[in-house]
Protein backbone atom coordinates (compact mmCIF):
# COMPACT_ATOMS: atom_id res chain seq x y z
CA MET A 1 94.37 33.87 129.40
CA THR A 2 95.81 37.25 130.39
CA SER A 3 99.05 37.87 132.26
CA ILE A 4 100.84 40.80 133.82
CA ILE A 5 104.54 41.68 133.76
CA THR A 6 105.64 43.94 136.62
CA ILE A 7 108.90 45.91 136.64
CA ASP A 8 109.37 47.02 140.24
CA PRO A 9 111.28 49.19 140.87
CA VAL A 10 112.26 51.01 137.68
CA THR A 11 116.02 51.51 137.88
CA ARG A 12 118.43 54.32 137.06
CA ILE A 13 115.86 57.02 137.76
CA GLU A 14 115.51 59.35 140.74
CA GLY A 15 112.81 57.97 143.02
CA HIS A 16 110.47 55.01 143.32
CA SER A 17 108.15 53.64 140.65
CA LYS A 18 107.16 50.48 138.85
CA ILE A 19 105.80 49.47 135.46
CA THR A 20 103.10 46.90 134.78
CA ILE A 21 102.59 45.35 131.37
CA GLN A 22 99.26 43.62 130.68
CA LEU A 23 99.31 40.79 128.15
CA ASP A 24 96.30 39.43 126.28
CA GLU A 25 95.39 35.81 125.51
CA ARG A 26 97.88 35.72 122.62
CA GLY A 27 100.75 36.91 124.84
CA GLU A 28 100.83 40.34 123.18
CA VAL A 29 100.90 43.65 125.04
CA ALA A 30 97.39 44.95 125.61
CA ASP A 31 98.15 47.82 128.00
CA ALA A 32 100.95 49.26 130.15
CA HIS A 33 101.17 51.75 133.02
CA PHE A 34 103.85 53.76 134.79
CA HIS A 35 103.11 53.83 138.53
CA VAL A 36 104.62 56.38 140.90
CA THR A 37 104.49 54.56 144.21
CA GLN A 38 105.56 57.32 146.60
CA LEU A 39 103.48 60.20 147.94
CA ARG A 40 104.43 63.88 147.86
CA GLY A 41 102.49 65.71 150.55
CA PHE A 42 104.00 69.18 150.55
CA GLU A 43 100.81 70.94 149.46
CA LYS A 44 99.22 69.95 152.78
CA LEU A 45 102.36 70.03 154.92
CA VAL A 46 102.88 73.77 154.39
CA GLU A 47 99.38 74.91 155.30
CA GLY A 48 99.55 77.25 158.31
CA ARG A 49 103.24 78.12 157.78
CA PRO A 50 104.45 81.71 157.17
CA PHE A 51 104.88 82.25 153.46
CA GLN A 52 108.44 83.57 153.99
CA GLU A 53 109.41 79.99 154.88
CA MET A 54 108.20 78.55 151.60
CA PRO A 55 111.43 78.68 149.53
CA GLY A 56 113.38 76.92 152.27
CA ILE A 57 110.67 74.33 152.85
CA MET A 58 109.95 73.69 149.18
CA ALA A 59 113.65 73.21 148.41
CA ARG A 60 113.40 70.14 150.68
CA ILE A 61 110.96 68.51 148.28
CA CYS A 62 113.93 67.03 146.47
CA GLY A 63 117.65 66.51 146.98
CA ILE A 64 118.20 66.25 143.23
CA CYS A 65 116.63 69.52 142.07
CA PRO A 66 116.19 71.71 145.19
CA VAL A 67 117.17 74.89 143.32
CA SER A 68 114.27 74.44 140.90
CA HIS A 69 111.74 74.49 143.74
CA LEU A 70 113.65 77.28 145.47
CA VAL A 71 113.34 79.49 142.38
CA ALA A 72 109.66 78.80 141.62
CA SER A 73 108.72 79.21 145.29
CA ALA A 74 110.65 82.47 145.66
CA LYS A 75 108.98 83.86 142.53
CA ALA A 76 105.55 83.05 144.01
CA CYS A 77 106.58 84.79 147.24
CA ASP A 78 107.80 87.83 145.28
CA GLU A 79 104.22 88.08 144.00
CA LEU A 80 102.87 87.96 147.56
CA LEU A 81 105.17 90.87 148.42
CA ALA A 82 104.24 92.54 145.11
CA VAL A 83 107.82 93.65 144.58
CA ARG A 84 110.21 93.77 141.66
CA ILE A 85 113.47 92.24 142.78
CA PRO A 86 116.76 94.06 141.96
CA PRO A 87 118.15 93.34 138.47
CA THR A 88 121.37 91.86 139.88
CA ALA A 89 119.39 89.50 142.09
CA GLU A 90 117.46 88.28 139.05
CA LYS A 91 120.69 87.66 137.13
CA LEU A 92 122.20 85.72 140.01
CA ARG A 93 119.03 83.66 140.47
CA LYS A 94 119.38 82.77 136.81
CA VAL A 95 123.00 81.70 137.32
CA MET A 96 122.04 79.31 140.12
CA ASN A 97 119.06 77.98 138.15
CA LEU A 98 121.28 77.32 135.11
CA ALA A 99 123.89 75.63 137.31
CA GLN A 100 121.12 73.36 138.57
CA LEU A 101 120.14 72.62 134.96
CA VAL A 102 123.72 71.74 133.99
CA GLN A 103 124.44 69.44 136.93
CA SER A 104 121.06 67.70 136.74
CA HIS A 105 121.32 67.12 132.99
CA ALA A 106 124.83 65.72 133.51
CA LEU A 107 123.51 63.29 136.12
CA SER A 108 120.76 62.15 133.77
CA PHE A 109 122.86 61.74 130.65
CA PHE A 110 126.20 60.46 131.95
CA TYR A 111 125.22 58.49 135.05
CA LEU A 112 121.74 57.17 134.25
CA SER A 113 121.44 56.90 130.45
CA SER A 114 124.92 56.75 128.87
CA PRO A 115 125.37 53.07 129.84
CA ASP A 116 122.60 52.24 127.34
CA PHE A 117 124.18 54.35 124.58
CA LEU A 118 127.74 53.19 125.10
CA LEU A 119 127.35 49.57 126.23
CA GLY A 120 124.07 48.77 124.46
CA MET A 121 120.49 48.19 125.57
CA ASP A 122 121.14 44.43 125.73
CA ALA A 123 124.39 44.57 127.69
CA PRO A 124 124.42 42.58 130.97
CA PRO A 125 122.90 44.71 133.75
CA GLU A 126 125.92 44.17 136.00
CA GLU A 127 127.99 46.00 133.35
CA ARG A 128 125.38 48.52 132.19
CA ASN A 129 126.12 51.26 134.72
CA ILE A 130 128.45 54.20 135.30
CA VAL A 131 131.25 51.84 136.40
CA GLY A 132 130.92 50.03 133.07
CA VAL A 133 131.08 53.38 131.27
CA LEU A 134 134.23 54.28 133.19
CA LYS A 135 135.87 51.04 132.05
CA ALA A 136 134.75 51.28 128.42
CA GLU A 137 135.07 55.03 127.85
CA PRO A 138 137.04 56.71 130.66
CA LYS A 139 137.07 60.12 128.96
CA LEU A 140 133.27 60.18 128.67
CA ALA A 141 132.79 59.15 132.30
CA ARG A 142 135.31 61.72 133.55
CA GLY A 143 133.58 64.36 131.45
CA GLY A 144 130.29 63.60 133.13
CA ILE A 145 131.87 63.92 136.56
CA LEU A 146 133.50 67.21 135.56
CA ILE A 147 130.32 68.79 134.20
CA ARG A 148 128.22 67.73 137.16
CA LYS A 149 130.86 69.02 139.57
CA PHE A 150 130.94 72.32 137.64
CA GLY A 151 127.23 72.90 138.25
CA GLN A 152 127.33 71.74 141.87
CA ASN A 153 130.30 73.95 142.67
CA ILE A 154 128.48 77.02 141.36
CA ILE A 155 125.48 76.24 143.56
CA GLU A 156 127.79 75.80 146.56
CA THR A 157 129.77 78.95 145.79
CA LEU A 158 126.64 81.07 145.52
CA GLY A 159 124.45 79.47 148.16
CA GLY A 160 126.93 78.09 150.69
CA LYS A 161 126.07 74.43 150.09
CA ARG A 162 125.29 72.14 147.17
CA ILE A 163 121.97 70.81 148.44
CA HIS A 164 119.13 72.95 149.84
CA PRO A 165 120.90 76.35 149.69
CA ALA A 166 118.93 79.12 151.43
CA TRP A 167 120.42 81.96 149.37
CA ILE A 168 117.33 82.69 147.24
CA VAL A 169 114.71 84.38 149.42
CA PRO A 170 111.44 86.31 148.92
CA GLY A 171 112.43 89.66 147.45
CA GLY A 172 115.77 88.56 145.99
CA LEU A 173 118.88 87.08 147.61
CA SER A 174 120.29 86.91 151.12
CA GLU A 175 123.69 88.28 150.08
CA PRO A 176 125.53 89.59 147.00
CA LEU A 177 128.23 87.84 144.98
CA GLU A 178 131.86 88.50 145.89
CA GLU A 179 134.43 89.21 143.15
CA ALA A 180 136.70 86.34 144.19
CA LYS A 181 133.84 83.86 143.97
CA ARG A 182 132.82 85.22 140.55
CA ASP A 183 136.37 84.84 139.26
CA ALA A 184 136.67 81.31 140.67
CA ILE A 185 133.57 80.23 138.74
CA LEU A 186 134.72 81.91 135.52
CA ALA A 187 138.03 80.04 135.70
CA THR A 188 136.21 76.67 135.45
CA ILE A 189 134.09 77.56 132.43
CA PRO A 190 136.48 76.85 129.49
CA GLU A 191 137.06 73.20 130.43
CA ALA A 192 133.39 72.57 131.20
CA LYS A 193 132.31 74.18 127.94
CA GLN A 194 134.74 72.16 125.81
CA THR A 195 133.76 68.93 127.55
CA ALA A 196 130.07 69.64 126.91
CA VAL A 197 130.68 70.37 123.21
CA ASP A 198 132.80 67.22 122.80
CA THR A 199 130.10 65.08 124.42
CA LEU A 200 127.40 66.56 122.21
CA ASP A 201 129.50 65.85 119.09
CA TRP A 202 130.09 62.27 120.29
CA PHE A 203 126.40 61.66 120.86
CA VAL A 204 125.29 63.12 117.52
CA SER A 205 127.84 60.89 115.75
CA ARG A 206 126.15 57.82 117.30
CA LEU A 207 122.53 58.70 116.51
CA ASP A 208 122.39 56.42 113.48
CA SER A 209 123.00 53.47 115.81
CA PHE A 210 119.70 54.17 117.56
CA ARG A 211 117.31 54.64 114.64
CA GLU A 212 114.98 51.92 115.96
CA GLU A 213 114.83 53.50 119.41
CA ILE A 214 114.22 56.94 117.87
CA ARG A 215 111.22 55.49 115.99
CA HIS A 216 109.70 53.72 119.01
CA PHE A 217 110.76 55.55 122.19
CA ALA A 218 107.59 57.51 122.89
CA SER A 219 107.52 58.84 119.35
CA PHE A 220 104.07 60.24 118.71
CA PRO A 221 102.38 63.60 118.09
CA SER A 222 101.59 65.63 121.20
CA LEU A 223 101.39 69.18 122.44
CA PHE A 224 104.48 70.84 123.93
CA MET A 225 104.74 73.48 126.69
CA ALA A 226 107.59 75.74 127.82
CA LEU A 227 108.59 79.24 128.86
CA VAL A 228 110.12 81.42 126.13
CA LYS A 229 111.02 85.08 125.82
CA SER A 230 108.75 87.44 123.88
CA ASP A 231 111.07 87.03 120.86
CA ASN A 232 110.73 83.23 121.21
CA ARG A 233 114.20 82.81 122.70
CA LEU A 234 114.95 79.96 125.09
CA ALA A 235 114.10 80.92 128.70
CA TYR A 236 114.29 79.25 132.09
CA TYR A 237 113.63 81.91 134.71
CA GLU A 238 111.04 84.19 133.16
CA GLY A 239 109.03 84.55 129.97
CA GLU A 240 105.70 83.66 128.40
CA LEU A 241 104.28 80.19 128.89
CA LYS A 242 103.50 78.83 125.44
CA ILE A 243 101.72 75.67 124.33
CA VAL A 244 102.14 74.49 120.73
CA ASP A 245 100.61 71.65 118.73
CA SER A 246 102.48 68.67 117.26
CA ASN A 247 103.54 70.76 114.26
CA PHE A 248 104.84 73.44 116.65
CA ASN A 249 102.10 75.92 115.80
CA LEU A 250 101.10 78.20 118.69
CA LEU A 251 97.91 77.27 120.55
CA THR A 252 98.09 79.40 123.69
CA THR A 253 100.25 82.02 125.34
CA LEU A 254 99.73 82.45 129.09
CA ASP A 255 100.56 86.07 129.92
CA ASP A 256 99.41 86.10 133.57
CA PRO A 257 100.56 83.12 135.68
CA LEU A 258 97.47 83.52 137.90
CA ASP A 259 95.37 82.39 134.94
CA TYR A 260 97.09 79.00 134.62
CA ALA A 261 93.98 77.09 135.74
CA ASP A 262 92.15 78.38 132.66
CA VAL A 263 94.64 76.47 130.51
CA LEU A 264 95.88 73.56 132.63
CA GLY A 265 93.75 70.87 134.23
CA GLU A 266 94.98 68.20 136.65
CA ALA A 267 93.63 64.65 136.62
CA VAL A 268 94.35 61.78 138.98
CA GLU A 269 94.36 58.06 138.27
CA PRO A 270 94.03 55.22 140.81
CA PHE A 271 97.26 53.55 139.66
CA SER A 272 99.64 56.43 140.53
CA TYR A 273 100.27 59.17 143.08
CA LEU A 274 101.56 61.41 140.29
CA LYS A 275 99.01 63.89 138.91
CA SER A 276 98.34 64.08 135.17
CA PRO A 277 98.16 67.68 133.94
CA TYR A 278 96.52 68.29 130.57
CA TYR A 279 95.55 71.12 128.22
CA LYS A 280 92.03 72.09 129.24
CA PRO A 281 90.66 73.35 125.90
CA ILE A 282 91.19 69.85 124.42
CA GLY A 283 90.33 67.90 127.56
CA TYR A 284 91.59 64.78 129.31
CA PRO A 285 93.44 62.70 128.19
CA ALA A 286 93.55 64.05 124.62
CA GLY A 287 95.17 67.25 125.90
CA MET A 288 98.43 65.43 126.62
CA PHE A 289 101.51 67.62 126.39
CA ARG A 290 105.23 67.25 127.00
CA VAL A 291 107.64 69.56 128.82
CA GLY A 292 111.40 69.64 129.42
CA PRO A 293 114.40 69.85 127.09
CA LEU A 294 112.60 68.39 124.07
CA ALA A 295 109.63 70.74 124.47
CA ARG A 296 111.82 73.79 125.07
CA LEU A 297 113.91 73.20 121.94
CA ASN A 298 110.86 72.39 119.84
CA ILE A 299 109.19 75.67 120.88
CA ALA A 300 112.09 78.15 121.09
CA SER A 301 113.40 79.64 117.85
CA TYR A 302 116.92 80.14 119.20
CA SER A 303 118.92 79.96 122.44
CA GLY A 304 120.86 83.22 122.33
CA THR A 305 124.34 81.69 122.82
CA PRO A 306 126.58 80.83 119.84
CA LEU A 307 127.61 77.22 120.40
CA ALA A 308 124.15 76.13 121.53
CA ASP A 309 122.52 77.93 118.59
CA GLU A 310 124.79 76.08 116.17
CA ALA A 311 123.75 72.77 117.75
CA LEU A 312 120.11 73.84 117.85
CA ARG A 313 120.13 74.43 114.10
CA GLY A 314 121.19 70.81 113.63
CA PHE A 315 118.40 69.63 115.93
CA LYS A 316 115.78 71.70 114.13
CA ALA A 317 116.94 70.32 110.78
CA LEU A 318 115.46 66.96 111.80
CA PRO A 319 112.05 66.11 110.27
CA VAL A 320 109.10 67.23 112.38
CA GLU A 321 108.05 63.62 113.05
CA GLU A 322 111.52 62.75 114.34
CA ARG A 323 111.39 65.69 116.77
CA TRP A 324 108.37 63.97 118.36
CA SER A 325 110.61 61.16 119.61
CA SER A 326 111.27 61.23 123.34
CA PHE A 327 114.61 59.56 122.63
CA HIS A 328 115.70 63.04 121.57
CA TYR A 329 115.31 64.30 125.11
CA HIS A 330 118.94 63.18 125.40
CA TYR A 331 119.95 65.23 122.35
CA ALA A 332 118.13 68.28 123.67
CA ARG A 333 119.60 67.79 127.15
CA LEU A 334 123.16 68.01 125.81
CA ILE A 335 122.38 71.15 123.81
CA GLU A 336 120.95 72.70 126.98
CA ILE A 337 124.13 71.85 128.92
CA VAL A 338 126.17 73.78 126.34
CA HIS A 339 123.72 76.69 126.47
CA GLY A 340 123.66 76.69 130.27
CA ILE A 341 127.44 76.99 130.52
CA GLU A 342 127.54 79.74 127.86
CA HIS A 343 124.73 81.67 129.53
CA ILE A 344 126.33 81.41 132.98
CA GLU A 345 129.50 82.91 131.50
CA ALA A 346 127.57 85.77 129.90
CA LEU A 347 125.73 86.58 133.15
CA LEU A 348 128.87 86.49 135.30
CA THR A 349 130.77 88.84 132.96
CA ASP A 350 127.96 91.41 133.18
CA PRO A 351 129.45 94.57 134.82
CA ASP A 352 126.48 94.78 137.21
CA ILE A 353 126.79 91.23 138.57
CA LEU A 354 128.72 92.36 141.70
CA ASN A 355 126.21 95.06 142.63
CA PRO A 356 125.52 94.70 146.38
CA HIS A 357 121.83 95.63 146.03
CA VAL A 358 120.22 92.19 145.76
CA ARG A 359 117.06 92.33 147.89
CA SER A 360 113.80 94.27 147.96
CA PHE A 361 112.02 94.47 151.31
CA ALA A 362 108.25 94.80 151.69
CA GLN A 363 105.26 93.75 153.73
CA THR A 364 102.59 91.44 152.40
CA ASN A 365 100.80 93.22 149.57
CA SER A 366 98.89 90.40 147.89
CA PHE A 367 97.03 87.32 149.09
CA GLU A 368 97.85 85.11 146.11
CA GLY A 369 100.97 84.43 144.10
CA VAL A 370 102.11 82.07 141.33
CA GLY A 371 105.72 81.38 140.41
CA ILE A 372 106.62 79.62 137.15
CA SER A 373 110.10 78.62 136.04
CA GLU A 374 111.78 75.93 133.97
CA ALA A 375 113.28 73.09 135.98
CA PRO A 376 115.67 70.65 134.26
CA ARG A 377 112.72 68.32 133.61
CA GLY A 378 110.31 71.01 132.46
CA THR A 379 107.86 73.68 133.52
CA LEU A 380 107.42 73.98 137.30
CA LEU A 381 104.61 75.93 138.99
CA HIS A 382 104.08 76.95 142.62
CA HIS A 383 100.75 78.56 143.59
CA TYR A 384 100.17 79.95 147.11
CA LYS A 385 97.33 81.68 148.91
CA ILE A 386 97.75 83.34 152.31
CA ASP A 387 95.57 84.89 155.00
CA GLN A 388 95.88 88.36 156.58
CA HIS A 389 98.65 87.05 158.85
CA GLY A 390 100.76 85.82 155.96
CA LEU A 391 100.07 82.16 156.70
CA ILE A 392 99.63 79.66 153.86
CA THR A 393 95.99 78.62 153.39
CA PHE A 394 96.43 76.89 150.03
CA ALA A 395 99.32 75.51 148.01
CA ASN A 396 99.26 73.78 144.64
CA LEU A 397 102.32 72.47 142.86
CA ILE A 398 102.43 71.35 139.25
CA ILE A 399 105.69 69.45 139.04
CA ALA A 400 107.71 69.17 135.84
CA THR A 401 107.72 65.38 135.92
CA GLY A 402 103.94 65.36 136.42
CA ASN A 403 103.47 67.38 133.25
CA ASN A 404 105.02 64.46 131.37
CA ASN A 405 102.94 61.79 133.11
CA LEU A 406 100.47 61.14 130.29
CA ALA A 407 103.27 61.00 127.74
CA MET A 408 105.36 58.65 129.89
CA ASN A 409 102.44 56.24 130.19
CA ARG A 410 101.83 56.31 126.46
CA GLY A 411 105.55 55.84 125.85
CA VAL A 412 105.71 52.78 128.11
CA TYR A 413 102.85 51.24 126.16
CA GLN A 414 104.47 52.01 122.79
CA VAL A 415 107.84 50.55 123.75
CA ALA A 416 106.33 47.49 125.42
CA LYS A 417 104.18 46.85 122.35
CA GLN A 418 107.27 46.98 120.16
CA TYR A 419 109.76 44.98 122.23
CA VAL A 420 108.13 42.76 124.87
CA LYS A 421 107.45 39.17 123.77
CA ALA A 422 105.99 36.96 126.49
CA ASP A 423 107.21 33.72 124.92
CA ARG A 424 110.85 34.81 125.23
CA LEU A 425 111.04 37.35 128.00
CA GLU A 426 114.55 38.85 127.99
CA GLU A 427 116.17 41.43 130.22
CA GLY A 428 117.09 43.69 127.29
CA MET A 429 113.42 43.98 126.28
CA LEU A 430 112.49 45.19 129.73
CA ASN A 431 115.46 47.55 129.85
CA ARG A 432 114.05 49.31 126.81
CA VAL A 433 110.76 49.81 128.66
CA GLU A 434 112.71 51.36 131.52
CA ALA A 435 114.87 53.37 129.11
CA VAL A 436 111.88 55.23 127.68
CA ILE A 437 111.15 56.46 131.21
CA ARG A 438 114.80 57.42 131.69
CA ALA A 439 114.55 59.55 128.52
CA TYR A 440 112.19 61.85 130.44
CA ASP A 441 114.54 61.83 133.46
CA PRO A 442 111.62 61.77 135.92
CA CYS A 443 112.41 63.06 139.40
CA LEU A 444 110.21 61.06 141.75
CA SER A 445 112.39 61.38 144.83
CA CYS A 446 110.40 64.32 146.13
CA SER A 447 109.41 62.85 149.49
CA THR A 448 111.33 59.62 149.93
CA HIS A 449 114.83 58.56 149.02
CA ALA A 450 116.41 55.16 148.45
CA ILE A 451 119.68 54.06 150.01
CA GLY A 452 121.69 51.17 148.67
CA LYS A 453 120.71 48.80 145.88
CA MET A 454 117.83 49.26 143.47
CA PRO A 455 116.87 45.70 142.46
CA LEU A 456 114.63 44.82 139.55
CA HIS A 457 112.14 41.99 139.86
CA ILE A 458 109.91 41.10 136.89
CA GLN A 459 107.25 38.43 137.02
CA LEU A 460 104.99 37.08 134.32
CA LEU A 461 101.87 35.96 136.12
CA ALA A 462 99.01 33.70 135.09
CA PRO A 463 95.42 34.70 136.01
CA ASP A 464 95.55 32.42 139.05
CA GLY A 465 98.65 34.24 140.35
CA SER A 466 101.15 31.51 139.55
CA VAL A 467 104.53 32.64 138.20
CA LEU A 468 105.02 31.64 134.58
CA ARG A 469 108.39 33.35 134.08
CA GLU A 470 110.66 35.43 136.25
CA VAL A 471 113.64 37.74 135.79
CA ALA A 472 115.49 39.15 138.82
CA ARG A 473 118.26 41.74 139.09
CA ALA A 474 120.22 42.03 142.34
């Protein structure tokens, strides 16, 4: 007799999804899947629109990471114009992209995942949330609020608003940075930086408490993909797209973004709206790779900022097999917060950062453009084709979360196999299945958004559909 456990919706993530766990006749996990139950339709929605509108439209894909889509889209449009944007515009784009990274990572770590670290995977769900963190560890909770506010304020200062800013445009920026705004941002950096370092130290000190999770939270060999500089330094805005094997040996360097389809394939499965990219030379599904903070730190040799490089040396001192664990996305995320704050400071103290020349103007000079950047969750790609009137005829998006789809599915199976026991179904077991998804910080809210409560309803069903066991969360 086989049964199915369904977790619907998965909680403390951004968007809508569910998890199904298939049990065999012995009540052991036979299979598991992560289902994305909402549809993103932007590739079709934008057909026929002027390409100059793409950054503004694509930023609306998501209210959590609009800047990421704004940057990748603008870079694709720069290619359609065939222009080199002014150096100051590039630096300021980087500042906003890093601010997005910092605030998004803070949301993931402090608001969505820290309840598990601080209160425990088996803590009652009514306590295992940011309010519970605030009660148990007020300093940690306040630090999360501070760091997220730091990133959001930079986005608002530069772009005029925190969500969907229209400041980044094809060819550069709509306006330069004013000295008073630059100084206001710089004044907030010391506190944000110290808070980030303190949080990283706190988390590293607790790693020994999570040795079991490190061993079983999507811990397996895979490929990794990320942008890095030519000297293998951490990069988010520009660089070479590199794919390495599970021992971090180089497999491929993509020099021309237009050639991405030679390296990356995209598969679809009937159980999810989320595409499954894979490494073409190996094939599907064996060509599974991971992106995001863990991939970036596994590939890059150094970050280029002092505090983050010190932390990165500690991360790289871990055994290779331990650096496969998706639990360490959290570790990598905190290192990237430190780096992001340091790098923002370095960019804003550049003497050229107030240069008023921030936009290059041109007519359409190319009929195809690809923009690649690093979003908080990983490598993001926008590919556009236009006609002679500058109207979009084709758009393809490879979303950061999608790049992790194969690994998330395998991780759900691994965690369910380790923890789920049908004869004593407990909430903490199922929270661990959800927690492996939260490690990737998937952003699924790219077309629909939830308001209000996010309940969890799990049913263990017999083959005839009758409910054998049930767990509900209000």
